Amino acid sequence: MKGNIEFEALSKAVIGCAIEVHRELGPGLLESAYEQCLAHELRLKGIPFELQKVMPVEYKGVLIDCGYRLDLLVDRRLIIELKAVSAVEPIHEAQILTYLKLAKIKTGLLINFNVPLLKDGIKRFVL
């Protein structure tokens, strides 16, 4: 049970950082701007993360670098996929589900910054 509480706290902290970035910048910027600003917020809060983590594809026992990169891997247990799009499409959802599967990680957040209210742009995925 303790692990779940800690994970919920981590997830809430990340969402809080994303809300802070959105509050400061608003919608309309490129995804890369939000990514760098979110990374800065995570650093300020002391939350461990990896930016643009290489995600190889395992095929028949061989790891192949196909150019996939996780936007953010937080504390080695939460994938954050960032978007700055007018609408989240099924392909975006498929992308994060694939990343969760490849990384063998259970939970991810898809955060679309191109919305008036960020809570409307956050979707949680659990495998």
C-alpha atoms as a PDB file:
ATOM      1  CA  MET A   1       0.000   0.000   0.000  1.00  0.00           C
ATOM      2  CA  LYS A   2       2.822   2.397   0.846  1.00  0.00           C
ATOM      3  CA  GLY A   3       4.182   2.143  -2.720  1.00  0.00           C
ATOM      4  CA  ASN A   4       0.817   3.229  -4.140  1.00  0.00           C
ATOM      5  CA  ILE A   5       0.644   6.229  -1.809  1.00  0.00           C
ATOM      6  CA  GLU A   6       4.150   7.263  -2.790  1.00  0.00           C
ATOM      7  CA  PHE A   7       3.295   6.793  -6.457  1.00  0.00           C
ATOM      8  CA  GLU A   8       0.137   8.907  -6.111  1.00  0.00           C
ATOM      9  CA  ALA A   9       2.209  11.643  -4.457  1.00  0.00           C
ATOM     10  CA  LEU A  10       4.729  11.470  -7.316  1.00  0.00           C
ATOM     11  CA  SER A  11       1.980  11.641  -9.932  1.00  0.00           C
ATOM     12  CA  LYS A  12       0.330  14.611  -8.203  1.00  0.00           C
ATOM     13  CA  ALA A  13       3.680  16.401  -7.911  1.00  0.00           C
ATOM     14  CA  VAL A  14       4.346  15.971 -11.634  1.00  0.00           C
ATOM     15  CA  ILE A  15       0.863  17.220 -12.488  1.00  0.00           C
ATOM     16  CA  GLY A  16       1.431  20.175 -10.175  1.00  0.00           C
ATOM     17  CA  CYS A  17       4.640  21.008 -12.034  1.00  0.00           C
ATOM     18  CA  ALA A  18       2.831  20.777 -15.371  1.00  0.00           C
ATOM     19  CA  ILE A  19       0.065  23.060 -14.100  1.00  0.00           C
ATOM     20  CA  GLU A  20       2.687  25.588 -13.002  1.00  0.00           C
ATOM     21  CA  VAL A  21       4.281  25.553 -16.460  1.00  0.00           C
ATOM     22  CA  HIS A  22       0.876  25.978 -18.102  1.00  0.00           C
ATOM     23  CA  ARG A  23      -0.049  28.773 -15.686  1.00  0.00           C
ATOM     24  CA  GLU A  24       3.131  30.646 -16.614  1.00  0.00           C
ATOM     25  CA  LEU A  25       3.141  30.008 -20.374  1.00  0.00           C
ATOM     26  CA  GLY A  26      -0.438  29.230 -21.375  1.00  0.00           C
ATOM     27  CA  PRO A  27      -1.303  27.315 -24.545  1.00  0.00           C
ATOM     28  CA  GLY A  28       0.151  27.947 -27.997  1.00  0.00           C
ATOM     29  CA  LEU A  29       3.862  27.119 -27.726  1.00  0.00           C
ATOM     30  CA  LEU A  30       5.791  24.222 -29.212  1.00  0.00           C
ATOM     31  CA  GLU A  31       5.973  20.936 -27.331  1.00  0.00           C
ATOM     32  CA  SER A  32       9.740  21.367 -26.915  1.00  0.00           C
ATOM     33  CA  ALA A  33       9.233  24.582 -24.906  1.00  0.00           C
ATOM     34  CA  TYR A  34       6.860  22.868 -22.501  1.00  0.00           C
ATOM     35  CA  GLU A  35       9.220  19.905 -22.207  1.00  0.00           C
ATOM     36  CA  GLN A  36      12.173  22.073 -21.192  1.00  0.00           C
ATOM     37  CA  CYS A  37      10.092  24.146 -18.776  1.00  0.00           C
ATOM     38  CA  LEU A  38       8.563  21.039 -17.180  1.00  0.00           C
ATOM     39  CA  ALA A  39      12.062  19.591 -16.791  1.00  0.00           C
ATOM     40  CA  HIS A  40      13.108  22.814 -15.040  1.00  0.00           C
ATOM     41  CA  GLU A  41      10.093  22.607 -12.676  1.00  0.00           C
ATOM     42  CA  LEU A  42      10.880  18.974 -11.852  1.00  0.00           C
ATOM     43  CA  ARG A  43      14.488  19.950 -11.076  1.00  0.00           C
ATOM     44  CA  LEU A  44      13.306  22.773  -8.807  1.00  0.00           C
ATOM     45  CA  LYS A  45      11.133  20.283  -6.890  1.00  0.00           C
ATOM     46  CA  GLY A  46      13.932  17.695  -6.666  1.00  0.00           C
ATOM     47  CA  ILE A  47      11.957  15.103  -8.620  1.00  0.00           C
ATOM     48  CA  PRO A  48      14.274  12.671 -10.444  1.00  0.00           C
ATOM     49  CA  PHE A  49      13.681  12.284 -14.173  1.00  0.00           C
ATOM     50  CA  GLU A  50      15.329  11.479 -17.488  1.00  0.00           C
ATOM     51  CA  LEU A  51      14.667  13.695 -20.488  1.00  0.00           C
ATOM     52  CA  GLN A  52      14.357  12.248 -24.011  1.00  0.00           C
ATOM     53  CA  LYS A  53      15.149   8.736 -22.777  1.00  0.00           C
ATOM     54  CA  VAL A  54      16.018   6.351 -25.601  1.00  0.00           C
ATOM     55  CA  MET A  55      13.445   3.577 -25.887  1.00  0.00           C
ATOM     56  CA  PRO A  56      14.767   0.684 -27.960  1.00  0.00           C
ATOM     57  CA  VAL A  57      12.496  -1.951 -29.432  1.00  0.00           C
ATOM     58  CA  GLU A  58      13.213  -5.498 -28.329  1.00  0.00           C
ATOM     59  CA  TYR A  59      12.849  -7.823 -31.285  1.00  0.00           C
ATOM     60  CA  LYS A  60      13.659 -11.518 -30.973  1.00  0.00           C
ATOM     61  CA  GLY A  61      16.037 -10.876 -28.096  1.00  0.00           C
ATOM     62  CA  VAL A  62      17.830  -7.950 -29.751  1.00  0.00           C
ATOM     63  CA  LEU A  63      17.469  -4.319 -28.691  1.00  0.00           C
ATOM     64  CA  ILE A  64      17.061  -2.103 -31.743  1.00  0.00           C
ATOM     65  CA  ASP A  65      17.285   1.689 -31.614  1.00  0.00           C
ATOM     66  CA  CYS A  66      14.426   2.814 -33.842  1.00  0.00           C
ATOM     67  CA  GLY A  67      14.596   6.449 -32.764  1.00  0.00           C
ATOM     68  CA  TYR A  68      11.881   6.258 -30.101  1.00  0.00           C
ATOM     69  CA  ARG A  69      12.366   8.644 -27.189  1.00  0.00           C
ATOM     70  CA  LEU A  70      10.286   9.080 -24.061  1.00  0.00           C
ATOM     71  CA  ASP A  71       9.689  12.774 -23.425  1.00  0.00           C
ATOM     72  CA  LEU A  72      10.201  12.253 -19.693  1.00  0.00           C
ATOM     73  CA  LEU A  73      10.716   9.222 -17.516  1.00  0.00           C
ATOM     74  CA  VAL A  74      10.055  10.293 -13.936  1.00  0.00           C
ATOM     75  CA  ASP A  75      11.640   8.352 -11.088  1.00  0.00           C
ATOM     76  CA  ARG A  76      12.030   5.351 -13.437  1.00  0.00           C
ATOM     77  CA  ARG A  77       8.334   4.542 -12.984  1.00  0.00           C
ATOM     78  CA  LEU A  78       6.168   7.173 -14.652  1.00  0.00           C
ATOM     79  CA  ILE A  79       6.211   7.992 -18.370  1.00  0.00           C
ATOM     80  CA  ILE A  80       5.205  11.510 -19.346  1.00  0.00           C
ATOM     81  CA  GLU A  81       4.285  12.083 -22.980  1.00  0.00           C
ATOM     82  CA  LEU A  82       3.843  15.742 -23.864  1.00  0.00           C
ATOM     83  CA  LYS A  83       1.769  17.229 -26.651  1.00  0.00           C
ATOM     84  CA  ALA A  84       0.875  20.717 -27.840  1.00  0.00           C
ATOM     85  CA  VAL A  85      -1.915  19.847 -30.267  1.00  0.00           C
ATOM     86  CA  SER A  86      -5.429  21.107 -30.937  1.00  0.00           C
ATOM     87  CA  ALA A  87      -6.847  17.664 -30.066  1.00  0.00           C
ATOM     88  CA  VAL A  88      -5.410  14.432 -28.716  1.00  0.00           C
ATOM     89  CA  GLU A  89      -5.853  11.783 -31.393  1.00  0.00           C
ATOM     90  CA  PRO A  90      -6.030   7.996 -31.002  1.00  0.00           C
ATOM     91  CA  ILE A  91      -2.463   7.770 -32.386  1.00  0.00           C
ATOM     92  CA  HIS A  92      -1.197   9.811 -29.409  1.00  0.00           C
ATOM     93  CA  GLU A  93      -2.895   7.415 -27.016  1.00  0.00           C
ATOM     94  CA  ALA A  94      -1.488   4.424 -28.915  1.00  0.00           C
ATOM     95  CA  GLN A  95       1.962   6.004 -28.682  1.00  0.00           C
ATOM     96  CA  ILE A  96       1.981   6.231 -24.885  1.00  0.00           C
ATOM     97  CA  LEU A  97       0.515   2.733 -24.538  1.00  0.00           C
ATOM     98  CA  THR A  98       3.301   1.414 -26.768  1.00  0.00           C
ATOM     99  CA  TYR A  99       5.935   3.251 -24.708  1.00  0.00           C
ATOM    100  CA  LEU A 100       4.512   1.761 -21.507  1.00  0.00           C
ATOM    101  CA  LYS A 101       4.705  -1.709 -23.033  1.00  0.00           C
ATOM    102  CA  LEU A 102       8.244  -1.252 -24.395  1.00  0.00           C
ATOM    103  CA  ALA A 103       9.536   0.226 -21.120  1.00  0.00           C
ATOM    104  CA  LYS A 104       7.664  -2.330 -18.982  1.00  0.00           C
ATOM    105  CA  ILE A 105       6.257   0.541 -16.934  1.00  0.00           C
ATOM    106  CA  LYS A 106       2.684   0.468 -15.653  1.00  0.00           C
ATOM    107  CA  THR A 107       1.633   4.115 -15.626  1.00  0.00           C
ATOM    108  CA  GLY A 108       1.928   7.122 -17.872  1.00  0.00           C
ATOM    109  CA  LEU A 109       0.495  10.585 -18.286  1.00  0.00           C
ATOM    110  CA  LEU A 110      -0.359  12.145 -21.621  1.00  0.00           C
ATOM    111  CA  ILE A 111      -0.305  15.910 -21.131  1.00  0.00           C
ATOM    112  CA  ASN A 112      -1.562  18.215 -23.849  1.00  0.00           C
ATOM    113  CA  PHE A 113      -0.561  21.819 -23.120  1.00  0.00           C
ATOM    114  CA  ASN A 114      -2.632  23.307 -25.945  1.00  0.00           C
ATOM    115  CA  VAL A 115      -5.808  23.647 -23.855  1.00  0.00           C
ATOM    116  CA  PRO A 116      -7.253  26.593 -21.917  1.00  0.00           C
ATOM    117  CA  LEU A 117      -7.355  24.610 -18.642  1.00  0.00           C
ATOM    118  CA  LEU A 118      -4.574  22.043 -18.215  1.00  0.00           C
ATOM    119  CA  LYS A 119      -6.654  19.599 -16.175  1.00  0.00           C
ATOM    120  CA  ASP A 120      -8.643  19.065 -19.383  1.00  0.00           C
ATOM    121  CA  GLY A 121      -5.427  18.112 -21.195  1.00  0.00           C
ATOM    122  CA  ILE A 122      -4.216  15.384 -18.825  1.00  0.00           C
ATOM    123  CA  LYS A 123      -5.016  11.729 -19.350  1.00  0.00           C
ATOM    124  CA  ARG A 124      -3.694   8.838 -17.258  1.00  0.00           C
ATOM    125  CA  PHE A 125      -2.856   5.447 -18.744  1.00  0.00           C
ATOM    126  CA  VAL A 126      -2.329   2.247 -16.766  1.00  0.00           C
ATOM    127  CA  LEU A 127      -1.284  -1.114 -18.201  1.00  0.00           C
END
